[in-house]
Amino acid sequence: MASTNSWTHEIESSVAAPRLFRAGVMDWHTLAPKLAPHIVASAHPVEGEGGIGSIRQFNFTSAMPFSIMKERLEFLDVGKCECKSTLIEGGGIGSAIETATSHIKVEPAANGGSVVKVDSTYKLLPGVEVNDEITKAKESVTAIFKAAEAYLIANPDAYN
């Protein structure tokens, strides 16, 4: 029987929550190929205009263990810098993972920056075990937000 597992991760940033959420979550499909071309070859919306039900696809370089990932936006509250998405294709779906969801919330911090909180829940296919994958996932999420943070610091007028 498949087991359901989860992990959580927090990333501190000096960038305000709304800017980091817009750049690192909502517009990541535009920024990722520019900021992380060694990992993301290309990315684009597949369906929708960025609201609930929208689907976007990321195409990866050989640096990743899979070539594509498609995610569907299930919940979105831009004002609260919060969203939830479901992995629907690629990224291990069908080969190691039955289902996977991510809940991201970027909260304001006392210093004017923010804290990114990520909760990921997944159901593994029978017989599949996770070893280093959770560590790699946390490192990838951290890299995404740190790349967005560096871009926003270097471009203070972006995503205001």
Protein backbone atom coordinates (compact mmCIF):
# COMPACT_ATOMS: atom_id res chain seq x y z
CA MET A 1 0.00 0.00 0.00
CA ALA A 2 1.24 3.51 -0.84
CA SER A 3 2.24 5.68 2.09
CA THR A 4 1.57 9.39 2.48
CA ASN A 5 4.51 11.47 3.64
CA SER A 6 5.27 15.15 4.06
CA TRP A 7 8.02 17.61 4.77
CA THR A 8 8.19 21.26 5.73
CA HIS A 9 10.83 23.87 5.10
CA GLU A 10 11.37 27.54 5.96
CA ILE A 11 13.55 30.05 4.13
CA GLU A 12 14.33 33.51 5.47
CA SER A 13 14.64 36.42 3.04
CA SER A 14 15.47 40.09 3.27
CA VAL A 15 12.88 40.82 0.54
CA ALA A 16 9.31 41.83 1.44
CA ALA A 17 6.74 39.02 1.21
CA PRO A 18 4.58 40.40 -1.66
CA ARG A 19 7.58 40.94 -3.97
CA LEU A 20 9.10 37.56 -3.21
CA PHE A 21 5.76 35.79 -3.68
CA ARG A 22 5.12 37.46 -7.05
CA ALA A 23 8.64 36.73 -8.35
CA GLY A 24 9.40 33.37 -6.73
CA VAL A 25 5.96 31.80 -7.09
CA MET A 26 3.53 33.56 -9.42
CA ASP A 27 6.04 34.55 -12.11
CA TRP A 28 8.66 31.86 -11.54
CA HIS A 29 7.91 30.32 -14.94
CA THR A 30 9.17 33.57 -16.51
CA LEU A 31 12.15 34.12 -14.20
CA ALA A 32 13.42 30.54 -13.79
CA PRO A 33 14.90 30.11 -17.29
CA LYS A 34 16.68 33.48 -16.88
CA LEU A 35 17.90 33.00 -13.30
CA ALA A 36 18.54 29.25 -13.30
CA PRO A 37 19.20 28.27 -16.95
CA HIS A 38 21.48 25.45 -15.79
CA ILE A 39 18.38 23.78 -14.26
CA VAL A 40 15.30 25.18 -16.05
CA ALA A 41 15.63 25.10 -19.83
CA SER A 42 12.23 26.72 -20.39
CA ALA A 43 8.87 27.19 -18.73
CA HIS A 44 5.46 28.37 -19.83
CA PRO A 45 1.76 28.44 -18.96
CA VAL A 46 -0.11 25.51 -20.52
CA GLU A 47 -3.64 26.44 -19.52
CA GLY A 48 -5.29 29.42 -17.81
CA GLU A 49 -4.22 32.94 -16.94
CA GLY A 50 -2.47 32.28 -13.62
CA GLY A 51 -5.58 31.81 -11.49
CA ILE A 52 -6.96 28.70 -9.80
CA GLY A 53 -6.97 25.76 -12.23
CA SER A 54 -4.10 27.18 -14.30
CA ILE A 55 -1.39 24.75 -15.38
CA ARG A 56 2.23 25.59 -16.09
CA GLN A 57 5.06 23.43 -17.35
CA PHE A 58 8.76 23.53 -16.50
CA ASN A 59 11.28 21.87 -18.85
CA PHE A 60 14.52 20.89 -17.16
CA THR A 61 18.10 20.40 -18.25
CA SER A 62 20.02 17.20 -17.58
CA ALA A 63 20.81 18.61 -14.11
CA MET A 64 17.45 17.26 -12.96
CA PRO A 65 16.44 13.59 -12.71
CA PHE A 66 13.33 14.27 -14.85
CA SER A 67 12.80 16.35 -17.97
CA ILE A 68 9.44 18.03 -17.26
CA MET A 69 7.06 18.96 -14.51
CA LYS A 70 3.49 20.21 -14.87
CA GLU A 71 1.67 21.73 -11.92
CA ARG A 72 -1.93 22.87 -11.45
CA LEU A 73 -2.78 25.78 -9.16
CA GLU A 74 -5.40 24.58 -6.66
CA PHE A 75 -5.59 27.55 -4.26
CA LEU A 76 -4.44 31.14 -4.51
CA ASP A 77 -4.64 34.14 -2.18
CA VAL A 78 -2.30 36.79 -3.58
CA GLY A 79 -3.10 39.19 -0.72
CA LYS A 80 -1.91 36.63 1.83
CA CYS A 81 0.98 35.49 -0.43
CA GLU A 82 -0.26 31.91 -0.32
CA CYS A 83 -0.91 29.16 -2.87
CA LYS A 84 -1.27 25.42 -3.21
CA SER A 85 -0.40 23.41 -6.31
CA THR A 86 -0.60 19.79 -7.39
CA LEU A 87 1.97 18.00 -9.50
CA ILE A 88 0.05 16.50 -12.43
CA GLU A 89 2.78 15.27 -14.79
CA GLY A 90 6.51 14.62 -14.72
CA GLY A 91 8.59 15.13 -11.61
CA GLY A 92 8.32 11.47 -10.67
CA ILE A 93 4.55 11.16 -11.09
CA GLY A 94 3.78 7.60 -12.20
CA SER A 95 7.33 6.33 -11.65
CA ALA A 96 7.88 7.01 -7.94
CA ILE A 97 5.06 9.28 -6.79
CA GLU A 98 1.31 8.75 -6.96
CA THR A 99 0.38 12.29 -5.88
CA ALA A 100 2.19 15.40 -4.67
CA THR A 101 1.03 18.81 -3.47
CA SER A 102 2.89 21.87 -2.28
CA HIS A 103 1.55 24.64 -0.08
CA ILE A 104 3.63 27.83 -0.12
CA LYS A 105 3.08 30.83 2.11
CA VAL A 106 5.38 33.85 2.18
CA GLU A 107 4.88 35.69 5.47
CA PRO A 108 6.17 39.13 6.46
CA ALA A 109 9.05 39.12 8.95
CA ALA A 110 9.66 41.72 11.67
CA ASN A 111 12.76 43.03 9.87
CA GLY A 112 10.79 44.00 6.71
CA GLY A 113 11.85 40.82 4.96
CA SER A 114 9.90 37.57 4.83
CA VAL A 115 9.81 33.89 5.68
CA VAL A 116 8.86 31.36 3.01
CA LYS A 117 7.01 28.38 4.47
CA VAL A 118 6.72 25.30 2.28
CA ASP A 119 4.65 22.22 3.15
CA SER A 120 4.91 19.35 0.70
CA THR A 121 2.73 16.23 0.89
CA TYR A 122 3.21 13.23 -1.36
CA LYS A 123 2.07 9.65 -1.73
CA LEU A 124 4.72 7.23 -2.92
CA LEU A 125 3.94 4.34 -5.22
CA PRO A 126 4.14 0.91 -3.53
CA GLY A 127 7.72 -0.24 -2.97
CA VAL A 128 9.25 3.20 -3.48
CA GLU A 129 11.42 4.70 -0.76
CA VAL A 130 12.77 8.23 -0.42
CA ASN A 131 16.30 8.77 0.76
CA ASP A 132 18.10 11.90 -0.39
CA GLU A 133 15.13 13.20 -2.38
CA ILE A 134 13.69 15.27 0.50
CA THR A 135 17.03 16.95 1.12
CA LYS A 136 17.36 17.64 -2.61
CA ALA A 137 13.80 19.03 -2.74
CA LYS A 138 14.52 21.40 0.17
CA GLU A 139 17.77 22.50 -1.47
CA SER A 140 15.93 23.15 -4.75
CA VAL A 141 13.20 25.19 -3.06
CA THR A 142 15.83 27.20 -1.21
CA ALA A 143 17.73 27.80 -4.46
CA ILE A 144 14.56 29.03 -6.17
CA PHE A 145 13.77 31.60 -3.51
CA LYS A 146 17.39 32.69 -3.07
CA ALA A 147 17.67 33.23 -6.85
CA ALA A 148 14.44 35.27 -6.80
CA GLU A 149 15.73 37.19 -3.75
CA ALA A 150 19.05 38.02 -5.45
CA TYR A 151 17.20 39.17 -8.58
CA LEU A 152 14.86 41.40 -6.54
CA ILE A 153 17.74 42.93 -4.56
CA ALA A 154 19.61 43.65 -7.81
CA ASN A 155 16.41 45.04 -9.40
CA PRO A 156 14.71 47.11 -6.67
CA ASP A 157 11.95 48.32 -9.01
CA ALA A 158 10.94 44.80 -10.12
CA TYR A 159 7.71 43.28 -8.81
CA ASN A 160 6.67 46.29 -6.72
